[in-house]
Amino acid sequence: MPQTISVILEGLLHGKSKSIREFYEIENHKQLFEYLEKLLREEHPLTVQKIKRIHILLTD
C-alpha cells in the first residue's frame, strides 16, 4: 500500500521491484481517482457514459 500511495502522489516507485502490470494498474487507479474527484467537484450526475469511462480508465 505505501508503494501505491507513492506512485499516486509522487509518481515514484520505491522499494521492491513491481511488475510493469502492477505499475500500470496503479496508474489506472490514479487516473480514475482524478476523474472521480473532478466529477464530484463539478457535481456532475453519474451517467452510463461516465460509468463506461470509469471502466476504460481501470482497464486501460
PDB file of N, CA and C in Angstrom:
ATOM      1  N   MET A   1       0.804  -1.201   0.000  1.00  0.00           N
ATOM      2  CA  MET A   1       0.000   0.000   0.000  1.00  0.00           C
ATOM      3  C   MET A   1       0.849   1.269   0.000  1.00  0.00           C
ATOM      4  N   PRO A   2       1.923   1.363   0.778  1.00  0.00           N
ATOM      5  CA  PRO A   2       2.750   2.567   0.720  1.00  0.00           C
ATOM      6  C   PRO A   2       3.308   2.829  -0.680  1.00  0.00           C
ATOM      7  N   GLN A   3       3.640   1.755  -1.416  1.00  0.00           N
ATOM      8  CA  GLN A   3       4.137   1.944  -2.780  1.00  0.00           C
ATOM      9  C   GLN A   3       3.048   2.510  -3.680  1.00  0.00           C
ATOM     10  N   THR A   4       1.820   2.053  -3.484  1.00  0.00           N
ATOM     11  CA  THR A   4       0.700   2.567  -4.268  1.00  0.00           C
ATOM     12  C   THR A   4       0.527   4.051  -4.022  1.00  0.00           C
ATOM     13  N   ILE A   5       0.572   4.445  -2.761  1.00  0.00           N
ATOM     14  CA  ILE A   5       0.432   5.853  -2.404  1.00  0.00           C
ATOM     15  C   ILE A   5       1.573   6.669  -3.013  1.00  0.00           C
ATOM     16  N   SER A   6       2.779   6.123  -2.980  1.00  0.00           N
ATOM     17  CA  SER A   6       3.941   6.805  -3.550  1.00  0.00           C
ATOM     18  C   SER A   6       3.760   7.036  -5.050  1.00  0.00           C
ATOM     19  N   VAL A   7       3.254   6.042  -5.755  1.00  0.00           N
ATOM     20  CA  VAL A   7       3.034   6.202  -7.200  1.00  0.00           C
ATOM     21  C   VAL A   7       1.954   7.234  -7.459  1.00  0.00           C
ATOM     22  N   ILE A   8       0.867   7.177  -6.695  1.00  0.00           N
ATOM     23  CA  ILE A   8      -0.250   8.097  -6.908  1.00  0.00           C
ATOM     24  C   ILE A   8       0.155   9.534  -6.586  1.00  0.00           C
ATOM     25  N   LEU A   9       0.782   9.760  -5.448  1.00  0.00           N
ATOM     26  CA  LEU A   9       1.090  11.116  -5.020  1.00  0.00           C
ATOM     27  C   LEU A   9       2.361  11.686  -5.634  1.00  0.00           C
ATOM     28  N   GLU A  10       3.374  10.847  -5.825  1.00  0.00           N
ATOM     29  CA  GLU A  10       4.678  11.333  -6.259  1.00  0.00           C
ATOM     30  C   GLU A  10       5.091  10.865  -7.647  1.00  0.00           C
ATOM     31  N   GLY A  11       4.396   9.862  -8.167  1.00  0.00           N
ATOM     32  CA  GLY A  11       4.799   9.305  -9.456  1.00  0.00           C
ATOM     33  C   GLY A  11       6.061   8.480  -9.365  1.00  0.00           C
ATOM     34  N   LEU A  12       6.400   8.015  -8.144  1.00  0.00           N
ATOM     35  CA  LEU A  12       7.626   7.259  -7.932  1.00  0.00           C
ATOM     36  C   LEU A  12       7.322   5.857  -7.438  1.00  0.00           C
ATOM     37  N   LEU A  13       8.165   4.914  -7.821  1.00  0.00           N
ATOM     38  CA  LEU A  13       8.036   3.534  -7.378  1.00  0.00           C
ATOM     39  C   LEU A  13       9.253   3.193  -6.540  1.00  0.00           C
ATOM     40  N   HIS A  14       9.062   2.989  -5.228  1.00  0.00           N
ATOM     41  CA  HIS A  14      10.157   2.718  -4.292  1.00  0.00           C
ATOM     42  C   HIS A  14      10.173   1.255  -3.886  1.00  0.00           C
ATOM     43  N   GLY A  15      11.254   0.851  -3.296  1.00  0.00           N
ATOM     44  CA  GLY A  15      11.332  -0.468  -2.663  1.00  0.00           C
ATOM     45  C   GLY A  15      11.454  -1.593  -3.657  1.00  0.00           C
ATOM     46  N   LYS A  16      10.829  -2.726  -3.301  1.00  0.00           N
ATOM     47  CA  LYS A  16      10.909  -3.944  -4.113  1.00  0.00           C
ATOM     48  C   LYS A  16      10.389  -3.684  -5.520  1.00  0.00           C
ATOM     49  N   SER A  17      10.939  -4.392  -6.455  1.00  0.00           N
ATOM     50  CA  SER A  17      10.512  -4.252  -7.843  1.00  0.00           C
ATOM     51  C   SER A  17       9.082  -4.723  -8.012  1.00  0.00           C
ATOM     52  N   LYS A  18       8.361  -3.985  -8.767  1.00  0.00           N
ATOM     53  CA  LYS A  18       6.994  -4.340  -9.128  1.00  0.00           C
ATOM     54  C   LYS A  18       6.979  -4.659 -10.620  1.00  0.00           C
ATOM     55  N   SER A  19       6.015  -5.458 -11.009  1.00  0.00           N
ATOM     56  CA  SER A  19       5.893  -5.753 -12.431  1.00  0.00           C
ATOM     57  C   SER A  19       5.326  -4.531 -13.144  1.00  0.00           C
ATOM     58  N   ILE A  20       5.555  -4.485 -14.427  1.00  0.00           N
ATOM     59  CA  ILE A  20       5.015  -3.387 -15.230  1.00  0.00           C
ATOM     60  C   ILE A  20       3.492  -3.380 -15.128  1.00  0.00           C
ATOM     61  N   ARG A  21       2.906  -4.552 -15.100  1.00  0.00           N
ATOM     62  CA  ARG A  21       1.449  -4.653 -14.986  1.00  0.00           C
ATOM     63  C   ARG A  21       0.955  -3.993 -13.701  1.00  0.00           C
ATOM     64  N   GLU A  22       1.630  -4.280 -12.589  1.00  0.00           N
ATOM     65  CA  GLU A  22       1.234  -3.680 -11.313  1.00  0.00           C
ATOM     66  C   GLU A  22       1.373  -2.164 -11.357  1.00  0.00           C
ATOM     67  N   PHE A  23       2.445  -1.690 -11.982  1.00  0.00           N
ATOM     68  CA  PHE A  23       2.640  -0.244 -12.099  1.00  0.00           C
ATOM     69  C   PHE A  23       1.495   0.386 -12.881  1.00  0.00           C
ATOM     70  N   TYR A  24       1.124  -0.209 -14.007  1.00  0.00           N
ATOM     71  CA  TYR A  24       0.049   0.351 -14.814  1.00  0.00           C
ATOM     72  C   TYR A  24      -1.309   0.253 -14.115  1.00  0.00           C
ATOM     73  N   GLU A  25      -1.532  -0.785 -13.325  1.00  0.00           N
ATOM     74  CA  GLU A  25      -2.763  -0.877 -12.554  1.00  0.00           C
ATOM     75  C   GLU A  25      -2.857   0.289 -11.566  1.00  0.00           C
ATOM     76  N   ILE A  26      -1.742   0.602 -10.939  1.00  0.00           N
ATOM     77  CA  ILE A  26      -1.718   1.730 -10.008  1.00  0.00           C
ATOM     78  C   ILE A  26      -1.964   3.035 -10.764  1.00  0.00           C
ATOM     79  N   GLU A  27      -1.320   3.197 -11.896  1.00  0.00           N
ATOM     80  CA  GLU A  27      -1.521   4.404 -12.697  1.00  0.00           C
ATOM     81  C   GLU A  27      -2.986   4.535 -13.137  1.00  0.00           C
ATOM     82  N   ASN A  28      -3.599   3.419 -13.526  1.00  0.00           N
ATOM     83  CA  ASN A  28      -5.011   3.448 -13.915  1.00  0.00           C
ATOM     84  C   ASN A  28      -5.885   3.909 -12.757  1.00  0.00           C
ATOM     85  N   HIS A  29      -5.594   3.419 -11.570  1.00  0.00           N
ATOM     86  CA  HIS A  29      -6.363   3.844 -10.395  1.00  0.00           C
ATOM     87  C   HIS A  29      -6.143   5.328 -10.115  1.00  0.00           C
ATOM     88  N   LYS A  30      -4.926   5.794 -10.300  1.00  0.00           N
ATOM     89  CA  LYS A  30      -4.637   7.220 -10.100  1.00  0.00           C
ATOM     90  C   LYS A  30      -5.483   8.060 -11.051  1.00  0.00           C
ATOM     91  N   GLN A  31      -5.528   7.678 -12.324  1.00  0.00           N
ATOM     92  CA  GLN A  31      -6.329   8.410 -13.297  1.00  0.00           C
ATOM     93  C   GLN A  31      -7.807   8.362 -12.934  1.00  0.00           C
ATOM     94  N   LEU A  32      -8.261   7.212 -12.460  1.00  0.00           N
ATOM     95  CA  LEU A  32      -9.656   7.075 -12.056  1.00  0.00           C
ATOM     96  C   LEU A  32      -9.969   8.001 -10.884  1.00  0.00           C
ATOM     97  N   PHE A  33      -9.107   8.023  -9.873  1.00  0.00           N
ATOM     98  CA  PHE A  33      -9.344   8.895  -8.719  1.00  0.00           C
ATOM     99  C   PHE A  33      -9.404  10.359  -9.134  1.00  0.00           C
ATOM    100  N   GLU A  34      -8.527  10.764 -10.035  1.00  0.00           N
ATOM    101  CA  GLU A  34      -8.539  12.146 -10.521  1.00  0.00           C
ATOM    102  C   GLU A  34      -9.840  12.449 -11.269  1.00  0.00           C
ATOM    103  N   TYR A  35     -10.294  11.511 -12.080  1.00  0.00           N
ATOM    104  CA  TYR A  35     -11.541  11.679 -12.825  1.00  0.00           C
ATOM    105  C   TYR A  35     -12.734  11.777 -11.871  1.00  0.00           C
ATOM    106  N   LEU A  36     -12.791  10.887 -10.887  1.00  0.00           N
ATOM    107  CA  LEU A  36     -13.892  10.913  -9.928  1.00  0.00           C
ATOM    108  C   LEU A  36     -13.876  12.192  -9.098  1.00  0.00           C
ATOM    109  N   GLU A  37     -12.686  12.616  -8.719  1.00  0.00           N
ATOM    110  CA  GLU A  37     -12.579  13.866  -7.963  1.00  0.00           C
ATOM    111  C   GLU A  37     -13.138  15.037  -8.768  1.00  0.00           C
ATOM    112  N   LYS A  38     -12.815  15.074 -10.058  1.00  0.00           N
ATOM    113  CA  LYS A  38     -13.326  16.133 -10.934  1.00  0.00           C
ATOM    114  C   LYS A  38     -14.854  16.071 -11.024  1.00  0.00           C
ATOM    115  N   LEU A  39     -15.388  14.865 -11.200  1.00  0.00           N
ATOM    116  CA  LEU A  39     -16.850  14.721 -11.274  1.00  0.00           C
ATOM    117  C   LEU A  39     -17.519  15.211 -10.000  1.00  0.00           C
ATOM    118  N   LEU A  40     -16.960  14.842  -8.856  1.00  0.00           N
ATOM    119  CA  LEU A  40     -17.534  15.254  -7.583  1.00  0.00           C
ATOM    120  C   LEU A  40     -17.402  16.762  -7.379  1.00  0.00           C
ATOM    121  N   ARG A  41     -16.250  17.301  -7.709  1.00  0.00           N
ATOM    122  CA  ARG A  41     -16.006  18.737  -7.535  1.00  0.00           C
ATOM    123  C   ARG A  41     -16.978  19.557  -8.390  1.00  0.00           C
ATOM    124  N   GLU A  42     -17.235  19.091  -9.606  1.00  0.00           N
ATOM    125  CA  GLU A  42     -18.111  19.817 -10.529  1.00  0.00           C
ATOM    126  C   GLU A  42     -19.573  19.375 -10.415  1.00  0.00           C
ATOM    127  N   GLU A  43     -19.835  18.452  -9.492  1.00  0.00           N
ATOM    128  CA  GLU A  43     -21.181  17.968  -9.183  1.00  0.00           C
ATOM    129  C   GLU A  43     -21.930  17.444 -10.415  1.00  0.00           C
ATOM    130  N   HIS A  44     -21.218  16.645 -11.220  1.00  0.00           N
ATOM    131  CA  HIS A  44     -21.839  16.012 -12.379  1.00  0.00           C
ATOM    132  C   HIS A  44     -22.621  14.773 -11.937  1.00  0.00           C
ATOM    133  N   PRO A  45     -23.789  14.539 -12.530  1.00  0.00           N
ATOM    134  CA  PRO A  45     -24.520  13.301 -12.216  1.00  0.00           C
ATOM    135  C   PRO A  45     -23.813  12.093 -12.839  1.00  0.00           C
ATOM    136  N   LEU A  46     -24.004  10.945 -12.224  1.00  0.00           N
ATOM    137  CA  LEU A  46     -23.424   9.711 -12.742  1.00  0.00           C
ATOM    138  C   LEU A  46     -24.306   9.191 -13.875  1.00  0.00           C
ATOM    139  N   THR A  47     -23.705   8.997 -15.036  1.00  0.00           N
ATOM    140  CA  THR A  47     -24.439   8.521 -16.207  1.00  0.00           C
ATOM    141  C   THR A  47     -23.804   7.227 -16.707  1.00  0.00           C
ATOM    142  N   VAL A  48     -24.476   6.567 -17.617  1.00  0.00           N
ATOM    143  CA  VAL A  48     -23.927   5.346 -18.216  1.00  0.00           C
ATOM    144  C   VAL A  48     -22.623   5.671 -18.930  1.00  0.00           C
ATOM    145  N   GLN A  49     -22.561   6.790 -19.601  1.00  0.00           N
ATOM    146  CA  GLN A  49     -21.344   7.193 -20.309  1.00  0.00           C
ATOM    147  C   GLN A  49     -20.182   7.364 -19.327  1.00  0.00           C
ATOM    148  N   LYS A  50     -20.449   7.940 -18.180  1.00  0.00           N
ATOM    149  CA  LYS A  50     -19.387   8.129 -17.190  1.00  0.00           C
ATOM    150  C   LYS A  50     -18.964   6.796 -16.577  1.00  0.00           C
ATOM    151  N   ILE A  51     -19.893   5.884 -16.386  1.00  0.00           N
ATOM    152  CA  ILE A  51     -19.552   4.555 -15.877  1.00  0.00           C
ATOM    153  C   ILE A  51     -18.670   3.825 -16.889  1.00  0.00           C
ATOM    154  N   LYS A  52     -18.965   3.967 -18.168  1.00  0.00           N
ATOM    155  CA  LYS A  52     -18.119   3.367 -19.206  1.00  0.00           C
ATOM    156  C   LYS A  52     -16.724   3.978 -19.184  1.00  0.00           C
ATOM    157  N   ARG A  53     -16.642   5.282 -18.948  1.00  0.00           N
ATOM    158  CA  ARG A  53     -15.341   5.951 -18.854  1.00  0.00           C
ATOM    159  C   ARG A  53     -14.549   5.413 -17.660  1.00  0.00           C
ATOM    160  N   ILE A  54     -15.220   5.186 -16.547  1.00  0.00           N
ATOM    161  CA  ILE A  54     -14.583   4.606 -15.366  1.00  0.00           C
ATOM    162  C   ILE A  54     -14.002   3.244 -15.709  1.00  0.00           C
ATOM    163  N   HIS A  55     -14.773   2.433 -16.416  1.00  0.00           N
ATOM    164  CA  HIS A  55     -14.305   1.103 -16.815  1.00  0.00           C
ATOM    165  C   HIS A  55     -13.064   1.214 -17.697  1.00  0.00           C
ATOM    166  N   ILE A  56     -13.097   2.122 -18.640  1.00  0.00           N
ATOM    167  CA  ILE A  56     -11.957   2.316 -19.550  1.00  0.00           C
ATOM    168  C   ILE A  56     -10.708   2.716 -18.763  1.00  0.00           C
ATOM    169  N   LEU A  57     -10.874   3.634 -17.817  1.00  0.00           N
ATOM    170  CA  LEU A  57      -9.719   4.071 -17.024  1.00  0.00           C
ATOM    171  C   LEU A  57      -9.112   2.930 -16.227  1.00  0.00           C
ATOM    172  N   LEU A  58      -9.942   2.050 -15.713  1.00  0.00           N
ATOM    173  CA  LEU A  58      -9.434   0.943 -14.906  1.00  0.00           C
ATOM    174  C   LEU A  58      -8.788  -0.158 -15.739  1.00  0.00           C
ATOM    175  N   THR A  59      -9.234  -0.329 -16.960  1.00  0.00           N
ATOM    176  CA  THR A  59      -8.762  -1.459 -17.760  1.00  0.00           C
ATOM    177  C   THR A  59      -7.819  -1.064 -18.890  1.00  0.00           C
ATOM    178  N   ASP A  60      -7.422   0.193 -18.937  1.00  0.00           N
ATOM    179  CA  ASP A  60      -6.541   0.685 -19.999  1.00  0.00           C
ATOM    180  C   ASP A  60      -5.210  -0.044 -19.968  1.00  0.00           C
TER     181      ASP A  60
END
